[in-house]
């Protein structure tokens, strides 16, 4: 699954989410614009790869939002996502895991499955699961991402990207029939979107052929053989 930190276009403006003009926190008054400034300081620090500073600013934002019981709001969830990335970049794996898992849980409970922040939270959590080689849990996230897609062209491009991860995870978890079905679906969608030929997907086709062999689907393998590069035979 494509992993990306929230872009500037997805960063929600705090004034539109703050019920009151200012928050009293630890003896200081935090206006919506001040929270926005602190968050921007975090992103600037991250751009400069000053991860400890980015973490400190982002944790301030999270603490202020918690003081207003905004843990289920989109701004809080996006701060968790950014925090997961900052911690991961700083090599602080446990904190990154915790932030990503919390972001995903809160997004799943409070935002639509196709919401951009839900997608970003799912992707952040996916990254941590893959790093831990928890492929079964990662697979469930990709299946959820696919299920949340609609029927637009943008959704088809996302589906194309997700299917690549999906068939790999089916293979890693020993679900050979699902792996083959998903590779077939990926190739159909790829031809629809890009018009690619078999030569462009030699490695993908070899994976499909290997899946057929392991399942004992010899006729399917023979039908695929003309598209394979080299003298590929069932092991």
Protein backbone atom coordinates (compact mmCIF):
# COMPACT_ATOMS: atom_id res chain seq x y z
CA UNK A 1 0.00 0.00 0.00
CA UNK A 2 1.29 3.42 -0.88
CA UNK A 3 2.59 5.19 2.22
CA UNK A 4 2.57 8.96 2.39
CA UNK A 5 2.60 11.57 5.08
CA UNK A 6 -0.37 13.89 4.85
CA UNK A 7 0.21 16.57 2.27
CA UNK A 8 -0.49 20.22 2.97
CA UNK A 9 -3.79 19.94 1.12
CA UNK A 10 -4.98 17.34 3.63
CA UNK A 11 -3.96 19.19 6.77
CA UNK A 12 -7.21 20.33 8.35
CA UNK A 13 -7.41 23.91 9.54
CA UNK A 14 -7.90 24.03 13.29
CA UNK A 15 -10.18 27.09 13.45
CA UNK A 16 -12.95 25.20 11.66
CA UNK A 17 -12.77 22.41 14.23
CA UNK A 18 -12.35 24.41 17.46
CA UNK A 19 -15.57 25.04 19.35
CA UNK A 20 -14.05 27.89 21.34
CA UNK A 21 -11.58 30.57 20.25
CA UNK A 22 -8.88 29.57 22.75
CA UNK A 23 -7.78 26.78 25.09
CA UNK A 24 -6.21 27.21 28.50
CA UNK A 25 -3.50 24.56 28.82
CA UNK A 26 -0.69 24.36 31.37
CA UNK A 27 -1.11 27.98 32.31
CA UNK A 28 -1.03 29.22 28.73
CA UNK A 29 -3.71 30.28 26.30
CA UNK A 30 -3.72 28.33 23.06
CA UNK A 31 -5.72 29.90 20.25
CA UNK A 32 -6.53 27.96 17.11
CA UNK A 33 -3.96 30.00 15.21
CA UNK A 34 -1.29 29.20 17.82
CA UNK A 35 -1.95 25.48 17.50
CA UNK A 36 -1.69 25.88 13.73
CA UNK A 37 1.67 27.65 14.12
CA UNK A 38 3.04 24.92 16.38
CA UNK A 39 1.93 22.25 13.93
CA UNK A 40 3.63 24.09 11.08
CA UNK A 41 6.80 24.27 13.17
CA UNK A 42 6.64 20.50 13.46
CA UNK A 43 6.34 20.04 9.69
CA UNK A 44 9.17 22.52 9.06
CA UNK A 45 11.38 20.64 11.53
CA UNK A 46 10.48 17.38 9.79
CA UNK A 47 11.37 18.87 6.40
CA UNK A 48 14.81 19.60 7.88
CA UNK A 49 14.97 16.06 9.31
CA UNK A 50 15.07 17.42 12.85
CA UNK A 51 12.94 14.59 14.13
CA UNK A 52 13.25 15.23 17.86
CA UNK A 53 12.08 18.80 17.38
CA UNK A 54 9.24 17.72 15.10
CA UNK A 55 8.16 15.17 17.72
CA UNK A 56 8.22 17.76 20.49
CA UNK A 57 6.04 20.23 18.60
CA UNK A 58 3.63 17.52 17.47
CA UNK A 59 3.29 16.18 21.01
CA UNK A 60 2.37 19.69 22.16
CA UNK A 61 -0.45 19.76 19.60
CA UNK A 62 -1.70 16.35 20.72
CA UNK A 63 -1.62 17.35 24.40
CA UNK A 64 -3.61 20.53 23.78
CA UNK A 65 -6.24 18.66 21.75
CA UNK A 66 -6.50 15.99 24.44
CA UNK A 67 -7.18 18.71 26.99
CA UNK A 68 -10.29 19.58 24.95
CA UNK A 69 -11.32 15.92 24.59
CA UNK A 70 -10.75 16.11 20.82
CA UNK A 71 -9.13 12.67 20.53
CA UNK A 72 -11.73 11.48 18.03
CA UNK A 73 -11.48 14.57 15.80
CA UNK A 74 -9.83 14.64 12.40
CA UNK A 75 -7.10 17.11 13.53
CA UNK A 76 -6.10 14.83 16.40
CA UNK A 77 -6.01 11.77 14.15
CA UNK A 78 -3.88 13.52 11.56
CA UNK A 79 -1.48 14.65 14.31
CA UNK A 80 -1.17 11.00 15.35
CA UNK A 81 -0.37 10.03 11.76
CA UNK A 82 2.31 12.69 11.49
CA UNK A 83 3.66 11.69 14.89
CA UNK A 84 3.93 8.06 13.77
CA UNK A 85 6.05 9.16 10.83
CA UNK A 86 8.27 11.41 12.97
CA UNK A 87 8.89 8.64 15.50
CA UNK A 88 9.61 6.12 12.74
CA UNK A 89 12.09 8.49 11.11
CA UNK A 90 13.76 8.96 14.50
CA UNK A 91 14.09 5.20 14.91
CA UNK A 92 11.68 5.10 17.84
CA UNK A 93 9.73 2.08 16.67
CA UNK A 94 7.55 1.45 19.71
CA UNK A 95 6.23 5.03 19.76
CA UNK A 96 5.67 4.92 15.99
CA UNK A 97 3.69 1.69 16.34
CA UNK A 98 1.56 3.13 19.14
CA UNK A 99 0.75 6.35 17.28
CA UNK A 100 -0.07 4.53 14.02
CA UNK A 101 -2.29 1.97 15.75
CA UNK A 102 -4.17 4.67 17.67
CA UNK A 103 -4.63 6.79 14.54
CA UNK A 104 -6.07 3.84 12.65
CA UNK A 105 -8.39 2.80 15.49
CA UNK A 106 -9.76 6.31 15.92
CA UNK A 107 -10.16 6.91 12.18
CA UNK A 108 -11.95 3.60 11.73
CA UNK A 109 -14.32 4.43 14.59
CA UNK A 110 -15.04 8.06 13.69
CA UNK A 111 -14.44 8.71 9.97
CA UNK A 112 -15.72 7.12 6.73
CA UNK A 113 -13.57 4.31 5.35
CA UNK A 114 -12.85 6.29 2.16
CA UNK A 115 -11.93 9.53 3.98
CA UNK A 116 -8.45 10.75 3.08
CA UNK A 117 -7.38 10.79 6.73
CA UNK A 118 -8.67 7.24 7.20
CA UNK A 119 -6.62 6.19 4.18
CA UNK A 120 -3.55 7.90 5.61
CA UNK A 121 -4.12 6.31 9.04
CA UNK A 122 -4.57 2.89 7.46
CA UNK A 123 -1.37 3.37 5.46
CA UNK A 124 0.61 4.45 8.54
CA UNK A 125 -0.59 1.40 10.46
CA UNK A 126 0.14 -0.83 7.45
CA UNK A 127 3.72 0.41 7.32
CA UNK A 128 4.30 -0.55 10.94
CA UNK A 129 2.72 -3.98 10.45
CA UNK A 130 4.92 -4.70 7.43
CA UNK A 131 7.99 -3.59 9.39
CA UNK A 132 7.05 -6.16 12.05
CA UNK A 133 6.32 -8.78 9.34
CA UNK A 134 2.76 -9.14 10.63
CA UNK A 135 1.50 -10.03 7.17
CA UNK A 136 -1.91 -11.38 8.20
CA UNK A 137 -2.86 -8.11 9.92
CA UNK A 138 -1.43 -6.10 7.02
CA UNK A 139 -3.49 -8.19 4.59
CA UNK A 140 -6.69 -7.34 6.48
CA UNK A 141 -5.90 -3.63 6.12
CA UNK A 142 -5.42 -3.86 2.36
CA UNK A 143 -8.63 -5.87 1.97
CA UNK A 144 -10.40 -3.13 3.93
CA UNK A 145 -8.85 -0.44 1.73
CA UNK A 146 -10.07 -2.20 -1.42
CA UNK A 147 -13.56 -2.66 0.03
CA UNK A 148 -13.78 1.09 0.76
CA UNK A 149 -13.13 2.04 -2.88
CA UNK A 150 -15.82 3.39 -5.17
CA UNK A 151 -16.14 3.25 -8.95
CA UNK A 152 -14.38 6.43 -10.05
CA UNK A 153 -11.26 6.49 -12.21
CA UNK A 154 -9.25 7.65 -9.19
CA UNK A 155 -10.55 4.64 -7.29
CA UNK A 156 -9.44 2.36 -10.12
CA UNK A 157 -5.89 3.71 -9.90
CA UNK A 158 -5.91 3.18 -6.15
CA UNK A 159 -7.30 -0.32 -6.67
CA UNK A 160 -4.47 -1.04 -9.12
CA UNK A 161 -1.92 -0.02 -6.50
CA UNK A 162 -3.62 -1.97 -3.71
CA UNK A 163 -3.95 -5.17 -5.76
CA UNK A 164 -0.16 -5.35 -6.12
CA UNK A 165 0.18 -5.37 -2.34
CA UNK A 166 -2.76 -7.72 -1.98
CA UNK A 167 -1.46 -10.53 -4.19
CA UNK A 168 1.96 -10.34 -2.54
CA UNK A 169 0.39 -10.65 0.91
CA UNK A 170 -1.79 -13.58 -0.18
CA UNK A 171 1.40 -15.29 -1.33
CA UNK A 172 3.22 -14.51 1.92
CA UNK A 173 0.33 -15.91 3.95
CA UNK A 174 0.06 -19.08 1.85
CA UNK A 175 -3.31 -18.27 0.26
CA UNK A 176 -2.35 -19.45 -3.19
CA UNK A 177 -5.81 -19.50 -4.79
CA UNK A 178 -6.47 -15.92 -3.63
CA UNK A 179 -3.00 -14.91 -4.81
CA UNK A 180 -3.70 -16.22 -8.32
CA UNK A 181 -7.17 -14.65 -8.47
CA UNK A 182 -5.75 -11.29 -7.39
CA UNK A 183 -2.89 -11.39 -9.89
CA UNK A 184 -5.44 -12.11 -12.62
CA UNK A 185 -7.57 -9.17 -11.45
CA UNK A 186 -4.49 -6.93 -11.32
CA UNK A 187 -3.49 -7.82 -14.89
CA UNK A 188 -7.02 -7.18 -16.19
CA UNK A 189 -7.14 -3.79 -14.50
CA UNK A 190 -3.63 -2.96 -15.64
CA UNK A 191 -4.58 -3.59 -19.27
CA UNK A 192 -7.70 -1.47 -18.78
CA UNK A 193 -5.77 1.47 -17.29
CA UNK A 194 -2.44 1.28 -19.12
CA UNK A 195 -2.83 -1.14 -22.00
CA UNK A 196 0.28 -3.00 -20.85
CA UNK A 197 1.31 -6.22 -22.56
CA UNK A 198 2.64 -9.46 -21.10
CA UNK A 199 6.23 -8.32 -21.68
CA UNK A 200 5.72 -5.50 -19.17
CA UNK A 201 4.77 -7.98 -16.46
CA UNK A 202 7.23 -10.84 -16.84
CA UNK A 203 7.81 -11.08 -13.07
CA UNK A 204 4.07 -10.88 -12.28
CA UNK A 205 3.32 -13.61 -14.81
CA UNK A 206 6.05 -15.80 -13.34
CA UNK A 207 4.45 -15.36 -9.92
CA UNK A 208 1.11 -16.38 -11.38
CA UNK A 209 2.67 -19.40 -13.09
CA UNK A 210 4.35 -20.45 -9.86
CA UNK A 211 1.04 -20.13 -8.01
CA UNK A 212 -0.67 -22.33 -10.60
CA UNK A 213 2.09 -24.93 -10.24
CA UNK A 214 1.89 -25.00 -6.44
CA UNK A 215 -1.89 -25.43 -6.66
CA UNK A 216 -1.55 -28.23 -9.20
CA UNK A 217 -3.43 -26.21 -11.82
CA UNK A 218 -1.39 -27.58 -14.69
CA UNK A 219 -3.87 -26.67 -17.45
CA UNK A 220 -3.90 -23.04 -16.32
CA UNK A 221 -0.11 -23.15 -16.28
CA UNK A 222 0.03 -24.53 -19.81
CA UNK A 223 -2.37 -21.82 -21.00
CA UNK A 224 -0.08 -19.20 -19.49
CA UNK A 225 3.18 -20.70 -20.73
CA UNK A 226 3.29 -18.83 -24.11
CA UNK A 227 3.36 -15.54 -22.20
CA UNK A 228 6.26 -16.54 -19.97
CA UNK A 229 9.82 -15.49 -20.61
CA UNK A 230 12.44 -18.23 -20.81
CA UNK A 231 11.89 -21.94 -20.32
CA UNK A 232 9.76 -21.79 -17.20
CA UNK A 233 8.67 -25.23 -15.95
CA UNK A 234 6.70 -26.29 -12.90
CA UNK A 235 9.15 -27.13 -10.08
